[in-house]
């Protein structure tokens, strides 16, 4: 029996709240068009490996964003010479990014007040 506390060898990936993935995709595309793998990689790198976007969540989200006219997609060739769909932010997507960012900031501030009520008093 070990007297050492259990320490996980690797951090457990964080789960995304409903709607968060859409916001992260829109924000990632502000820097220019990108294919699905590139979007997932950018989110993983930007979050310092905290968020891992699974294909099973990414591609339905991209389709949903395209259906809402927040992103557009066209076929192209990736850096490794493979055919891929490249997604770009539309003007409506830029507007939605502002809306979603504001909502997320309000939500996270409200949650922070619950988690640390003393900091809200300052």
C-alpha atoms as a PDB file:
ATOM      1  CA  UNK A   1       0.000   0.000   0.000  1.00  0.00           C
ATOM      2  CA  UNK A   2       1.317   3.424  -0.937  1.00  0.00           C
ATOM      3  CA  UNK A   3       1.309   6.307   1.493  1.00  0.00           C
ATOM      4  CA  UNK A   4       1.577   8.783  -1.351  1.00  0.00           C
ATOM      5  CA  UNK A   5      -1.630  10.564  -2.444  1.00  0.00           C
ATOM      6  CA  UNK A   6      -3.009   9.468  -5.788  1.00  0.00           C
ATOM      7  CA  UNK A   7      -1.590  11.690  -8.471  1.00  0.00           C
ATOM      8  CA  UNK A   8      -2.882  11.288 -11.995  1.00  0.00           C
ATOM      9  CA  UNK A   9      -0.099  10.861 -14.510  1.00  0.00           C
ATOM     10  CA  UNK A  10      -1.843  13.164 -16.959  1.00  0.00           C
ATOM     11  CA  UNK A  11      -4.490  15.834 -16.590  1.00  0.00           C
ATOM     12  CA  UNK A  12      -7.989  14.800 -17.497  1.00  0.00           C
ATOM     13  CA  UNK A  13      -9.244  16.745 -20.516  1.00  0.00           C
ATOM     14  CA  UNK A  14     -11.858  19.360 -19.728  1.00  0.00           C
ATOM     15  CA  UNK A  15     -15.325  18.919 -21.173  1.00  0.00           C
ATOM     16  CA  UNK A  16     -16.798  21.773 -23.166  1.00  0.00           C
ATOM     17  CA  UNK A  17     -20.101  23.319 -22.179  1.00  0.00           C
ATOM     18  CA  UNK A  18     -22.874  23.371 -24.783  1.00  0.00           C
ATOM     19  CA  UNK A  19     -22.205  26.181 -27.252  1.00  0.00           C
ATOM     20  CA  UNK A  20     -18.596  26.698 -26.175  1.00  0.00           C
ATOM     21  CA  UNK A  21     -17.172  24.807 -29.133  1.00  0.00           C
ATOM     22  CA  UNK A  22     -19.006  27.102 -31.558  1.00  0.00           C
ATOM     23  CA  UNK A  23     -17.436  30.122 -29.862  1.00  0.00           C
ATOM     24  CA  UNK A  24     -13.958  28.575 -29.952  1.00  0.00           C
ATOM     25  CA  UNK A  25     -14.288  27.728 -33.650  1.00  0.00           C
ATOM     26  CA  UNK A  26     -15.486  31.228 -34.526  1.00  0.00           C
ATOM     27  CA  UNK A  27     -12.638  32.762 -32.520  1.00  0.00           C
ATOM     28  CA  UNK A  28     -10.064  30.496 -34.159  1.00  0.00           C
ATOM     29  CA  UNK A  29     -11.269  31.473 -37.638  1.00  0.00           C
ATOM     30  CA  UNK A  30     -10.807  35.194 -36.903  1.00  0.00           C
ATOM     31  CA  UNK A  31      -7.151  34.613 -37.869  1.00  0.00           C
ATOM     32  CA  UNK A  32      -8.040  33.247 -41.313  1.00  0.00           C
ATOM     33  CA  UNK A  33      -9.439  30.192 -43.040  1.00  0.00           C
ATOM     34  CA  UNK A  34      -8.494  26.802 -41.697  1.00  0.00           C
ATOM     35  CA  UNK A  35      -9.348  23.141 -42.227  1.00  0.00           C
ATOM     36  CA  UNK A  36     -10.909  21.031 -39.477  1.00  0.00           C
ATOM     37  CA  UNK A  37      -7.677  19.473 -38.238  1.00  0.00           C
ATOM     38  CA  UNK A  38      -6.072  22.912 -38.107  1.00  0.00           C
ATOM     39  CA  UNK A  39      -8.972  24.304 -36.070  1.00  0.00           C
ATOM     40  CA  UNK A  40      -8.743  21.430 -33.571  1.00  0.00           C
ATOM     41  CA  UNK A  41      -4.951  21.829 -33.344  1.00  0.00           C
ATOM     42  CA  UNK A  42      -5.208  25.599 -32.818  1.00  0.00           C
ATOM     43  CA  UNK A  43      -7.731  25.160 -29.991  1.00  0.00           C
ATOM     44  CA  UNK A  44      -5.549  22.504 -28.355  1.00  0.00           C
ATOM     45  CA  UNK A  45      -2.410  24.648 -28.614  1.00  0.00           C
ATOM     46  CA  UNK A  46      -4.087  27.885 -27.535  1.00  0.00           C
ATOM     47  CA  UNK A  47      -5.542  26.201 -24.438  1.00  0.00           C
ATOM     48  CA  UNK A  48      -2.153  24.664 -23.598  1.00  0.00           C
ATOM     49  CA  UNK A  49      -3.472  21.136 -24.233  1.00  0.00           C
ATOM     50  CA  UNK A  50      -6.428  21.590 -21.821  1.00  0.00           C
ATOM     51  CA  UNK A  51      -9.103  21.222 -24.508  1.00  0.00           C
ATOM     52  CA  UNK A  52      -9.055  18.344 -26.944  1.00  0.00           C
ATOM     53  CA  UNK A  53     -11.694  18.682 -29.640  1.00  0.00           C
ATOM     54  CA  UNK A  54     -12.865  15.290 -30.857  1.00  0.00           C
ATOM     55  CA  UNK A  55     -13.778  14.827 -34.513  1.00  0.00           C
ATOM     56  CA  UNK A  56     -17.198  13.591 -33.431  1.00  0.00           C
ATOM     57  CA  UNK A  57     -17.900  17.037 -31.977  1.00  0.00           C
ATOM     58  CA  UNK A  58     -15.896  19.233 -34.370  1.00  0.00           C
ATOM     59  CA  UNK A  59     -17.427  18.324 -37.709  1.00  0.00           C
ATOM     60  CA  UNK A  60     -21.082  18.498 -36.596  1.00  0.00           C
ATOM     61  CA  UNK A  61     -20.276  21.910 -35.055  1.00  0.00           C
ATOM     62  CA  UNK A  62     -18.694  23.099 -38.307  1.00  0.00           C
ATOM     63  CA  UNK A  63     -21.750  21.887 -40.226  1.00  0.00           C
ATOM     64  CA  UNK A  64     -24.054  23.682 -37.774  1.00  0.00           C
ATOM     65  CA  UNK A  65     -22.045  26.911 -38.141  1.00  0.00           C
ATOM     66  CA  UNK A  66     -22.159  26.589 -41.921  1.00  0.00           C
ATOM     67  CA  UNK A  67     -25.937  25.993 -41.830  1.00  0.00           C
ATOM     68  CA  UNK A  68     -26.309  29.201 -39.795  1.00  0.00           C
ATOM     69  CA  UNK A  69     -24.151  31.073 -42.328  1.00  0.00           C
ATOM     70  CA  UNK A  70     -21.564  31.915 -39.661  1.00  0.00           C
ATOM     71  CA  UNK A  71     -18.824  30.093 -41.595  1.00  0.00           C
ATOM     72  CA  UNK A  72     -18.377  29.265 -45.245  1.00  0.00           C
ATOM     73  CA  UNK A  73     -16.478  26.271 -46.577  1.00  0.00           C
ATOM     74  CA  UNK A  74     -14.651  25.434 -49.762  1.00  0.00           C
ATOM     75  CA  UNK A  75     -12.434  22.601 -50.872  1.00  0.00           C
ATOM     76  CA  UNK A  76      -8.699  23.117 -51.057  1.00  0.00           C
ATOM     77  CA  UNK A  77      -5.371  21.374 -50.577  1.00  0.00           C
ATOM     78  CA  UNK A  78      -3.821  21.195 -47.100  1.00  0.00           C
ATOM     79  CA  UNK A  79      -0.136  21.709 -46.283  1.00  0.00           C
ATOM     80  CA  UNK A  80       0.402  17.941 -46.451  1.00  0.00           C
ATOM     81  CA  UNK A  81      -1.076  17.892 -49.973  1.00  0.00           C
ATOM     82  CA  UNK A  82      -4.453  16.390 -49.041  1.00  0.00           C
ATOM     83  CA  UNK A  83      -7.887  17.506 -50.136  1.00  0.00           C
ATOM     84  CA  UNK A  84      -9.633  19.289 -47.240  1.00  0.00           C
ATOM     85  CA  UNK A  85     -12.510  21.656 -46.565  1.00  0.00           C
ATOM     86  CA  UNK A  86     -11.316  25.070 -45.476  1.00  0.00           C
ATOM     87  CA  UNK A  87     -13.639  27.088 -43.263  1.00  0.00           C
ATOM     88  CA  UNK A  88     -13.805  30.880 -43.150  1.00  0.00           C
ATOM     89  CA  UNK A  89     -15.658  33.303 -40.951  1.00  0.00           C
ATOM     90  CA  UNK A  90     -18.516  35.142 -42.707  1.00  0.00           C
ATOM     91  CA  UNK A  91     -19.626  38.688 -41.846  1.00  0.00           C
ATOM     92  CA  UNK A  92     -22.565  37.147 -39.951  1.00  0.00           C
ATOM     93  CA  UNK A  93     -20.063  34.906 -38.137  1.00  0.00           C
ATOM     94  CA  UNK A  94     -17.987  37.918 -37.078  1.00  0.00           C
ATOM     95  CA  UNK A  95     -21.107  39.541 -35.655  1.00  0.00           C
ATOM     96  CA  UNK A  96     -22.052  36.312 -33.875  1.00  0.00           C
ATOM     97  CA  UNK A  97     -18.526  36.043 -32.443  1.00  0.00           C
ATOM     98  CA  UNK A  98     -18.995  39.416 -30.738  1.00  0.00           C
ATOM     99  CA  UNK A  99     -22.403  38.348 -29.383  1.00  0.00           C
ATOM    100  CA  UNK A 100     -21.147  34.968 -28.144  1.00  0.00           C
ATOM    101  CA  UNK A 101     -17.999  36.472 -26.602  1.00  0.00           C
ATOM    102  CA  UNK A 102     -20.082  38.970 -24.633  1.00  0.00           C
ATOM    103  CA  UNK A 103     -22.417  36.208 -23.420  1.00  0.00           C
ATOM    104  CA  UNK A 104     -19.467  34.013 -22.414  1.00  0.00           C
ATOM    105  CA  UNK A 105     -17.811  36.856 -20.497  1.00  0.00           C
ATOM    106  CA  UNK A 106     -21.045  37.527 -18.597  1.00  0.00           C
ATOM    107  CA  UNK A 107     -21.479  33.810 -17.835  1.00  0.00           C
ATOM    108  CA  UNK A 108     -17.905  33.323 -16.643  1.00  0.00           C
ATOM    109  CA  UNK A 109     -18.080  36.457 -14.459  1.00  0.00           C
ATOM    110  CA  UNK A 110     -21.325  35.196 -12.882  1.00  0.00           C
ATOM    111  CA  UNK A 111     -19.809  31.767 -12.217  1.00  0.00           C
ATOM    112  CA  UNK A 112     -16.702  33.398 -10.740  1.00  0.00           C
ATOM    113  CA  UNK A 113     -18.925  35.346  -8.324  1.00  0.00           C
ATOM    114  CA  UNK A 114     -20.468  32.076  -7.124  1.00  0.00           C
ATOM    115  CA  UNK A 115     -17.145  30.268  -6.819  1.00  0.00           C
ATOM    116  CA  UNK A 116     -15.378  33.140  -5.064  1.00  0.00           C
ATOM    117  CA  UNK A 117     -17.959  35.524  -3.560  1.00  0.00           C
ATOM    118  CA  UNK A 118     -15.300  37.460  -1.629  1.00  0.00           C
ATOM    119  CA  UNK A 119     -13.642  38.663  -4.834  1.00  0.00           C
ATOM    120  CA  UNK A 120     -16.980  40.092  -6.010  1.00  0.00           C
ATOM    121  CA  UNK A 121     -17.100  42.329  -2.920  1.00  0.00           C
ATOM    122  CA  UNK A 122     -13.795  43.991  -3.770  1.00  0.00           C
END
